[in-house]
Amino acid sequence: MAIVRAVKTGVWSDATTWNTGALPTSADDVYSNTFTVTIDVSPTVLSISNAATTGVTAGGSFVPTNGMTLTCTAATGITNGTVTNAVLSS
């Protein structure tokens, strides 16, 4: 399990949006890290959050585009935010 965090506002499918330089995988906990990430693909991740953790600042949001499906495999896959009109925000 890795912590993957956004390093800029951008689209999910752009590897430069992420601190790892690669797209998050099903083994990753993903954080918005104060940025807005548009989910333009249908990813599967362990979890998704806009909370703070080691090396991650709270805030930001995930905005899905029409037709995408976000799958979180952890029991508490979406944390520290509210889902309003399909937007996870702090």
Protein backbone atom coordinates (compact mmCIF):
# COMPACT_ATOMS: atom_id res chain seq x y z
CA MET A 1 0.00 0.00 0.00
CA ALA A 2 1.34 3.40 -0.99
CA ILE A 3 0.18 6.92 -0.27
CA VAL A 4 -0.32 8.77 -3.54
CA ARG A 5 -1.03 12.49 -3.37
CA ALA A 6 -1.85 15.14 -5.93
CA VAL A 7 0.90 17.69 -6.53
CA LYS A 8 -1.18 19.98 -8.74
CA THR A 9 -4.74 20.59 -9.92
CA GLY A 10 -5.37 18.39 -12.94
CA VAL A 11 -6.93 15.27 -14.36
CA TRP A 12 -6.55 11.82 -12.84
CA SER A 13 -5.18 10.32 -16.07
CA ASP A 14 -2.19 12.69 -16.17
CA ALA A 15 0.72 11.02 -14.37
CA THR A 16 2.20 14.46 -13.54
CA THR A 17 -0.81 15.12 -11.28
CA TRP A 18 0.64 12.59 -8.80
CA ASN A 19 3.72 12.64 -6.56
CA THR A 20 4.73 9.19 -7.85
CA GLY A 21 4.73 10.25 -11.50
CA ALA A 22 2.38 7.33 -12.19
CA LEU A 23 -1.38 6.78 -11.98
CA PRO A 24 -2.71 5.47 -8.66
CA THR A 25 -3.41 1.72 -8.53
CA SER A 26 -5.72 -0.58 -6.58
CA ALA A 27 -3.06 -0.84 -3.87
CA ASP A 28 -2.93 2.93 -3.20
CA ASP A 29 -4.50 5.35 -0.72
CA VAL A 30 -5.11 8.51 -2.77
CA TYR A 31 -5.22 12.08 -1.37
CA SER A 32 -6.24 15.34 -3.03
CA ASN A 33 -3.67 17.27 -0.93
CA THR A 34 -5.41 20.71 -1.33
CA PHE A 35 -5.77 20.32 -5.12
CA THR A 36 -8.78 19.63 -7.36
CA VAL A 37 -8.45 16.39 -9.28
CA THR A 38 -10.91 15.71 -12.09
CA ILE A 39 -11.54 11.97 -12.32
CA ASP A 40 -11.64 11.45 -16.08
CA VAL A 41 -11.17 7.65 -16.02
CA SER A 42 -12.72 4.82 -13.99
CA PRO A 43 -10.02 4.04 -11.40
CA THR A 44 -9.84 1.38 -8.71
CA VAL A 45 -7.95 2.40 -5.58
CA LEU A 46 -7.72 1.23 -1.99
CA SER A 47 -9.12 4.51 -0.65
CA ILE A 48 -9.62 8.17 -1.55
CA SER A 49 -9.53 11.09 0.86
CA ASN A 50 -9.04 14.80 1.33
CA ALA A 51 -7.84 14.36 4.93
CA ALA A 52 -4.37 15.09 6.26
CA THR A 53 -1.81 12.36 6.85
CA THR A 54 1.98 12.18 6.89
CA GLY A 55 3.19 14.42 4.06
CA VAL A 56 -0.35 15.32 2.98
CA THR A 57 -2.29 18.54 3.65
CA ALA A 58 -6.05 18.38 4.22
CA GLY A 59 -8.36 19.88 1.63
CA GLY A 60 -8.98 19.77 -2.06
CA SER A 61 -11.54 17.73 -3.95
CA PHE A 62 -12.17 14.99 -6.46
CA VAL A 63 -14.60 15.84 -9.26
CA PRO A 64 -15.81 12.94 -11.40
CA THR A 65 -16.71 13.38 -15.05
CA ASN A 66 -19.88 11.88 -16.49
CA GLY A 67 -19.78 8.14 -17.02
CA MET A 68 -16.82 7.31 -14.79
CA THR A 69 -16.92 4.80 -11.94
CA LEU A 70 -14.68 5.15 -8.90
CA THR A 71 -14.06 1.89 -7.03
CA CYS A 72 -12.57 1.93 -3.52
CA THR A 73 -11.77 -1.52 -2.13
CA ALA A 74 -11.08 -0.61 1.52
CA ALA A 75 -13.92 -0.94 4.02
CA THR A 76 -13.76 2.82 4.58
CA GLY A 77 -12.80 3.71 1.02
CA ILE A 78 -14.00 7.33 1.00
CA THR A 79 -12.90 9.26 4.06
CA ASN A 80 -12.98 12.77 5.52
CA GLY A 81 -15.28 14.50 3.17
CA THR A 82 -18.79 14.71 1.92
CA VAL A 83 -20.10 13.56 -1.40
CA THR A 84 -22.39 16.22 -2.86
CA ASN A 85 -23.58 15.91 -6.44
CA ALA A 86 -20.82 13.33 -6.91
CA VAL A 87 -18.02 15.68 -5.76
CA LEU A 88 -15.89 14.68 -2.77
CA SER A 89 -14.83 17.84 -1.00
CA SER A 90 -13.76 19.05 2.40
